[in-house]
PDB file of N, CA and C in Angstrom:
ATOM      1  N   MET A   1     -62.196  -0.584  28.922  1.00  0.00           N
ATOM      2  CA  MET A   1     -61.686   0.673  28.768  1.00  0.00           C
ATOM      3  C   MET A   1     -62.768   1.772  29.171  1.00  0.00           C
ATOM      4  N   ASP A   2     -62.409   2.642  29.920  1.00  0.00           N
ATOM      5  CA  ASP A   2     -63.549   3.210  30.811  1.00  0.00           C
ATOM      6  C   ASP A   2     -63.870   4.492  29.490  1.00  0.00           C
ATOM      7  N   ILE A   3     -65.382   4.709  29.505  1.00  0.00           N
ATOM      8  CA  ILE A   3     -65.703   5.192  28.460  1.00  0.00           C
ATOM      9  C   ILE A   3     -65.633   7.254  28.832  1.00  0.00           C
ATOM     10  N   ALA A   4     -65.484   7.284  30.124  1.00  0.00           N
ATOM     11  CA  ALA A   4     -65.281   8.610  30.537  1.00  0.00           C
ATOM     12  C   ALA A   4     -63.897   9.231  30.420  1.00  0.00           C
ATOM     13  N   SER A   5     -62.719   8.211  30.201  1.00  0.00           N
ATOM     14  CA  SER A   5     -61.319   8.653  30.108  1.00  0.00           C
ATOM     15  C   SER A   5     -60.975   8.536  28.563  1.00  0.00           C
ATOM     16  N   LEU A   6     -62.176   7.777  27.718  1.00  0.00           N
ATOM     17  CA  LEU A   6     -61.983   7.797  26.273  1.00  0.00           C
ATOM     18  C   LEU A   6     -62.539   8.981  26.241  1.00  0.00           C
ATOM     19  N   SER A   7     -63.752   9.327  26.555  1.00  0.00           N
ATOM     20  CA  SER A   7     -64.105  10.489  26.120  1.00  0.00           C
ATOM     21  C   SER A   7     -63.346  11.681  26.236  1.00  0.00           C
ATOM     22  N   THR A   8     -62.951  12.191  27.565  1.00  0.00           N
ATOM     23  CA  THR A   8     -61.606  12.756  27.643  1.00  0.00           C
ATOM     24  C   THR A   8     -60.501  13.169  26.967  1.00  0.00           C
ATOM     25  N   ALA A   9     -59.940  11.738  26.523  1.00  0.00           N
ATOM     26  CA  ALA A   9     -58.862  11.744  25.654  1.00  0.00           C
ATOM     27  C   ALA A   9     -59.193  12.277  24.513  1.00  0.00           C
ATOM     28  N   LEU A  10     -60.590  11.899  23.563  1.00  0.00           N
ATOM     29  CA  LEU A  10     -61.019  12.374  22.389  1.00  0.00           C
ATOM     30  C   LEU A  10     -61.180  13.993  22.583  1.00  0.00           C
ATOM     31  N   SER A  11     -61.950  14.592  23.397  1.00  0.00           N
ATOM     32  CA  SER A  11     -61.651  16.338  23.731  1.00  0.00           C
ATOM     33  C   SER A  11     -60.850  16.703  23.773  1.00  0.00           C
ATOM     34  N   MET A  12     -59.321  16.211  24.514  1.00  0.00           N
ATOM     35  CA  MET A  12     -58.229  16.787  24.359  1.00  0.00           C
ATOM     36  C   MET A  12     -57.142  16.517  22.971  1.00  0.00           C
ATOM     37  N   THR A  13     -57.715  15.845  22.483  1.00  0.00           N
ATOM     38  CA  THR A  13     -56.969  15.673  20.899  1.00  0.00           C
ATOM     39  C   THR A  13     -57.963  16.179  20.199  1.00  0.00           C
ATOM     40  N   LYS A  14     -59.074  16.955  19.818  1.00  0.00           N
ATOM     41  CA  LYS A  14     -59.800  18.024  19.475  1.00  0.00           C
ATOM     42  C   LYS A  14     -59.328  19.461  19.722  1.00  0.00           C
ATOM     43  N   LEU A  15     -58.986  19.293  20.789  1.00  0.00           N
ATOM     44  CA  LEU A  15     -58.830  20.725  21.460  1.00  0.00           C
ATOM     45  C   LEU A  15     -57.558  20.833  20.946  1.00  0.00           C
ATOM     46  N   ASN A  16     -56.453  20.202  21.094  1.00  0.00           N
ATOM     47  CA  ASN A  16     -55.347  20.106  20.607  1.00  0.00           C
ATOM     48  C   ASN A  16     -55.130  20.562  19.157  1.00  0.00           C
ATOM     49  N   GLY A  17     -56.026  19.747  18.422  1.00  0.00           N
ATOM     50  CA  GLY A  17     -55.955  20.008  17.103  1.00  0.00           C
ATOM     51  C   GLY A  17     -56.647  21.560  16.545  1.00  0.00           C
ATOM     52  N   ASP A  18     -57.452  21.806  17.269  1.00  0.00           N
ATOM     53  CA  ASP A  18     -58.239  23.067  17.328  1.00  0.00           C
ATOM     54  C   ASP A  18     -57.033  24.245  17.558  1.00  0.00           C
ATOM     55  N   ILE A  19     -56.572  23.991  18.835  1.00  0.00           N
ATOM     56  CA  ILE A  19     -55.371  24.966  19.187  1.00  0.00           C
ATOM     57  C   ILE A  19     -54.132  24.947  17.874  1.00  0.00           C
ATOM     58  N   GLY A  20     -53.970  23.807  17.356  1.00  0.00           N
ATOM     59  CA  GLY A  20     -52.928  23.422  16.141  1.00  0.00           C
ATOM     60  C   GLY A  20     -53.194  24.521  15.225  1.00  0.00           C
ATOM     61  N   VAL A  21     -54.501  24.706  14.955  1.00  0.00           N
ATOM     62  CA  VAL A  21     -55.143  24.946  13.633  1.00  0.00           C
ATOM     63  C   VAL A  21     -54.852  26.654  13.670  1.00  0.00           C
ATOM     64  N   LEU A  22     -55.540  27.092  14.928  1.00  0.00           N
ATOM     65  CA  LEU A  22     -55.296  28.571  15.072  1.00  0.00           C
ATOM     66  C   LEU A  22     -54.159  28.934  15.104  1.00  0.00           C
ATOM     67  N   MET A  23     -53.131  28.482  15.497  1.00  0.00           N
ATOM     68  CA  MET A  23     -51.931  28.702  15.815  1.00  0.00           C
ATOM     69  C   MET A  23     -51.138  28.649  14.493  1.00  0.00           C
ATOM     70  N   LEU A  24     -51.503  27.694  13.660  1.00  0.00           N
ATOM     71  CA  LEU A  24     -50.895  28.082  11.793  1.00  0.00           C
ATOM     72  C   LEU A  24     -51.962  29.223  11.490  1.00  0.00           C
ATOM     73  N   SER A  25     -52.814  28.961  11.647  1.00  0.00           N
ATOM     74  CA  SER A  25     -53.592  30.339  10.941  1.00  0.00           C
ATOM     75  C   SER A  25     -52.965  32.099  11.589  1.00  0.00           C
ATOM     76  N   LYS A  26     -52.599  32.059  12.511  1.00  0.00           N
ATOM     77  CA  LYS A  26     -51.924  33.132  13.002  1.00  0.00           C
ATOM     78  C   LYS A  26     -50.830  33.181  12.672  1.00  0.00           C
ATOM     79  N   GLN A  27     -49.687  32.491  12.431  1.00  0.00           N
ATOM     80  CA  GLN A  27     -48.313  32.188  11.735  1.00  0.00           C
ATOM     81  C   GLN A  27     -48.699  32.975  10.263  1.00  0.00           C
ATOM     82  N   LEU A  28     -49.759  32.445   9.492  1.00  0.00           N
ATOM     83  CA  LEU A  28     -50.392  32.819   8.146  1.00  0.00           C
ATOM     84  C   LEU A  28     -50.425  34.090   7.531  1.00  0.00           C
ATOM     85  N   ASP A  29     -51.076  34.528   8.868  1.00  0.00           N
ATOM     86  CA  ASP A  29     -51.460  36.073   8.699  1.00  0.00           C
ATOM     87  C   ASP A  29     -50.050  36.601   9.227  1.00  0.00           C
ATOM     88  N   ALA A  30     -49.305  36.403  10.095  1.00  0.00           N
ATOM     89  CA  ALA A  30     -47.649  37.085  10.054  1.00  0.00           C
ATOM     90  C   ALA A  30     -46.969  37.168   9.366  1.00  0.00           C
ATOM     91  N   VAL A  31     -46.970  35.827   8.851  1.00  0.00           N
ATOM     92  CA  VAL A  31     -46.091  35.929   7.310  1.00  0.00           C
ATOM     93  C   VAL A  31     -46.776  36.692   6.112  1.00  0.00           C
ATOM     94  N   GLU A  32     -48.215  36.747   5.774  1.00  0.00           N
ATOM     95  CA  GLU A  32     -48.318  37.105   4.752  1.00  0.00           C
ATOM     96  C   GLU A  32     -48.458  38.944   5.139  1.00  0.00           C
ATOM     97  N   THR A  33     -48.520  39.331   6.258  1.00  0.00           N
ATOM     98  CA  THR A  33     -48.062  40.942   6.272  1.00  0.00           C
ATOM     99  C   THR A  33     -46.437  41.067   6.024  1.00  0.00           C
ATOM    100  N   MET A  34     -45.751  39.965   6.882  1.00  0.00           N
ATOM    101  CA  MET A  34     -44.417  40.676   6.283  1.00  0.00           C
ATOM    102  C   MET A  34     -44.021  40.530   4.926  1.00  0.00           C
ATOM    103  N   GLY A  35     -44.807  39.555   4.295  1.00  0.00           N
ATOM    104  CA  GLY A  35     -44.438  39.744   2.878  1.00  0.00           C
ATOM    105  C   GLY A  35     -45.087  40.657   2.058  1.00  0.00           C
ATOM    106  N   ASP A  36     -46.460  41.114   2.571  1.00  0.00           N
ATOM    107  CA  ASP A  36     -46.676  42.468   2.331  1.00  0.00           C
ATOM    108  C   ASP A  36     -45.619  43.964   2.386  1.00  0.00           C
ATOM    109  N   SER A  37     -45.187  43.496   3.457  1.00  0.00           N
ATOM    110  CA  SER A  37     -44.535  44.989   3.653  1.00  0.00           C
ATOM    111  C   SER A  37     -43.131  44.671   2.830  1.00  0.00           C
ATOM    112  N   MET A  38     -42.702  43.600   3.068  1.00  0.00           N
ATOM    113  CA  MET A  38     -41.188  43.440   1.870  1.00  0.00           C
ATOM    114  C   MET A  38     -41.530  43.842   0.324  1.00  0.00           C
ATOM    115  N   ILE A  39     -42.623  43.330  -0.031  1.00  0.00           N
ATOM    116  CA  ILE A  39     -43.199  44.133  -1.369  1.00  0.00           C
ATOM    117  C   ILE A  39     -42.948  45.383  -1.312  1.00  0.00           C
ATOM    118  N   LYS A  40     -43.670  45.925  -0.116  1.00  0.00           N
ATOM    119  CA  LYS A  40     -43.753  47.759  -0.427  1.00  0.00           C
ATOM    120  C   LYS A  40     -42.045  48.185  -0.155  1.00  0.00           C
ATOM    121  N   ILE A  41     -41.275  47.673   0.447  1.00  0.00           N
ATOM    122  CA  ILE A  41     -40.006  47.895   0.377  1.00  0.00           C
ATOM    123  C   ILE A  41     -39.184  47.690  -0.635  1.00  0.00           C
ATOM    124  N   MET A  42     -39.441  46.930  -1.303  1.00  0.00           N
ATOM    125  CA  MET A  42     -38.880  46.669  -2.571  1.00  0.00           C
ATOM    126  C   MET A  42     -39.389  47.288  -3.716  1.00  0.00           C
ATOM    127  N   GLU A  43     -40.811  47.990  -3.907  1.00  0.00           N
ATOM    128  CA  GLU A  43     -40.994  48.890  -4.561  1.00  0.00           C
ATOM    129  C   GLU A  43     -40.563  50.124  -4.130  1.00  0.00           C
ATOM    130  N   GLN A  44     -40.545  50.233  -3.390  1.00  0.00           N
ATOM    131  CA  GLN A  44     -40.000  52.011  -2.898  1.00  0.00           C
ATOM    132  C   GLN A  44     -38.365  52.040  -3.298  1.00  0.00           C
ATOM    133  N   SER A  45     -37.590  50.998  -3.554  1.00  0.00           N
ATOM    134  CA  SER A  45     -35.928  50.788  -3.340  1.00  0.00           C
ATOM    135  C   SER A  45     -35.970  50.492  -4.950  1.00  0.00           C
ATOM    136  N   VAL A  46     -36.923  50.527  -5.813  1.00  0.00           N
ATOM    137  CA  VAL A  46     -36.619  50.249  -7.303  1.00  0.00           C
ATOM    138  C   VAL A  46     -36.385  51.957  -7.743  1.00  0.00           C
ATOM    139  N   THR A  47     -35.212  51.677  -8.302  1.00  0.00           N
ATOM    140  CA  THR A  47     -34.812  53.217  -9.134  1.00  0.00           C
ATOM    141  C   THR A  47     -34.811  53.108 -10.618  1.00  0.00           C
ATOM    142  N   PRO A  48     -35.520  52.865 -11.747  1.00  0.00           N
ATOM    143  CA  PRO A  48     -35.592  52.636 -12.863  1.00  0.00           C
ATOM    144  C   PRO A  48     -34.640  53.264 -13.742  1.00  0.00           C
ATOM    145  N   HIS A  49     -34.133  54.256 -13.634  1.00  0.00           N
ATOM    146  CA  HIS A  49     -32.755  54.772 -14.471  1.00  0.00           C
ATOM    147  C   HIS A  49     -31.383  54.374 -13.870  1.00  0.00           C
ATOM    148  N   VAL A  50     -31.597  53.443 -12.856  1.00  0.00           N
ATOM    149  CA  VAL A  50     -30.158  52.827 -12.650  1.00  0.00           C
ATOM    150  C   VAL A  50     -29.744  51.682 -13.376  1.00  0.00           C
ATOM    151  N   GLY A  51     -28.523  51.555 -13.810  1.00  0.00           N
ATOM    152  CA  GLY A  51     -28.518  50.370 -14.590  1.00  0.00           C
ATOM    153  C   GLY A  51     -28.770  50.001 -15.991  1.00  0.00           C
ATOM    154  N   GLY A  52     -29.152  51.031 -16.344  1.00  0.00           N
ATOM    155  CA  GLY A  52     -30.012  51.314 -17.830  1.00  0.00           C
ATOM    156  C   GLY A  52     -28.806  51.489 -18.802  1.00  0.00           C
ATOM    157  N   ASN A  53     -27.839  51.929 -18.481  1.00  0.00           N
ATOM    158  CA  ASN A  53     -26.462  52.456 -19.409  1.00  0.00           C
ATOM    159  C   ASN A  53     -25.257  52.067 -18.496  1.00  0.00           C
ATOM    160  N   VAL A  54     -24.505  51.104 -19.354  1.00  0.00           N
ATOM    161  CA  VAL A  54     -23.348  50.773 -18.905  1.00  0.00           C
ATOM    162  C   VAL A  54     -22.066  51.389 -19.803  1.00  0.00           C
ATOM    163  N   ASP A  55     -21.373  51.717 -18.934  1.00  0.00           N
ATOM    164  CA  ASP A  55     -19.775  52.398 -19.746  1.00  0.00           C
ATOM    165  C   ASP A  55     -18.912  51.724 -19.283  1.00  0.00           C
ATOM    166  N   ILE A  56     -18.077  50.626 -20.309  1.00  0.00           N
ATOM    167  CA  ILE A  56     -17.308  50.241 -20.245  1.00  0.00           C
ATOM    168  C   ILE A  56     -15.944  50.984 -21.313  1.00  0.00           C
ATOM    169  N   SER A  57     -14.714  50.959 -20.508  1.00  0.00           N
ATOM    170  CA  SER A  57     -13.519  51.498 -21.086  1.00  0.00           C
ATOM    171  C   SER A  57     -12.623  50.267 -21.072  1.00  0.00           C
ATOM    172  N   VAL A  58     -11.993  50.161 -22.026  1.00  0.00           N
ATOM    173  CA  VAL A  58     -11.087  48.948 -22.111  1.00  0.00           C
ATOM    174  C   VAL A  58      -9.561  49.642 -22.156  1.00  0.00           C
TER     175      VAL A  58
END
């Protein structure tokens, strides 16, 4: 086995792992941002007086 090719293969493996971690980090940031936005939208849509009283006529 050639030492130079082994070194190159290990470097590429490390680089691919680093890129994968960075991509997952970016995705996590995006998901957190979407979650925060969703929470804000849900908080704005809450109307506490709706549903408090129920009229049932039979």
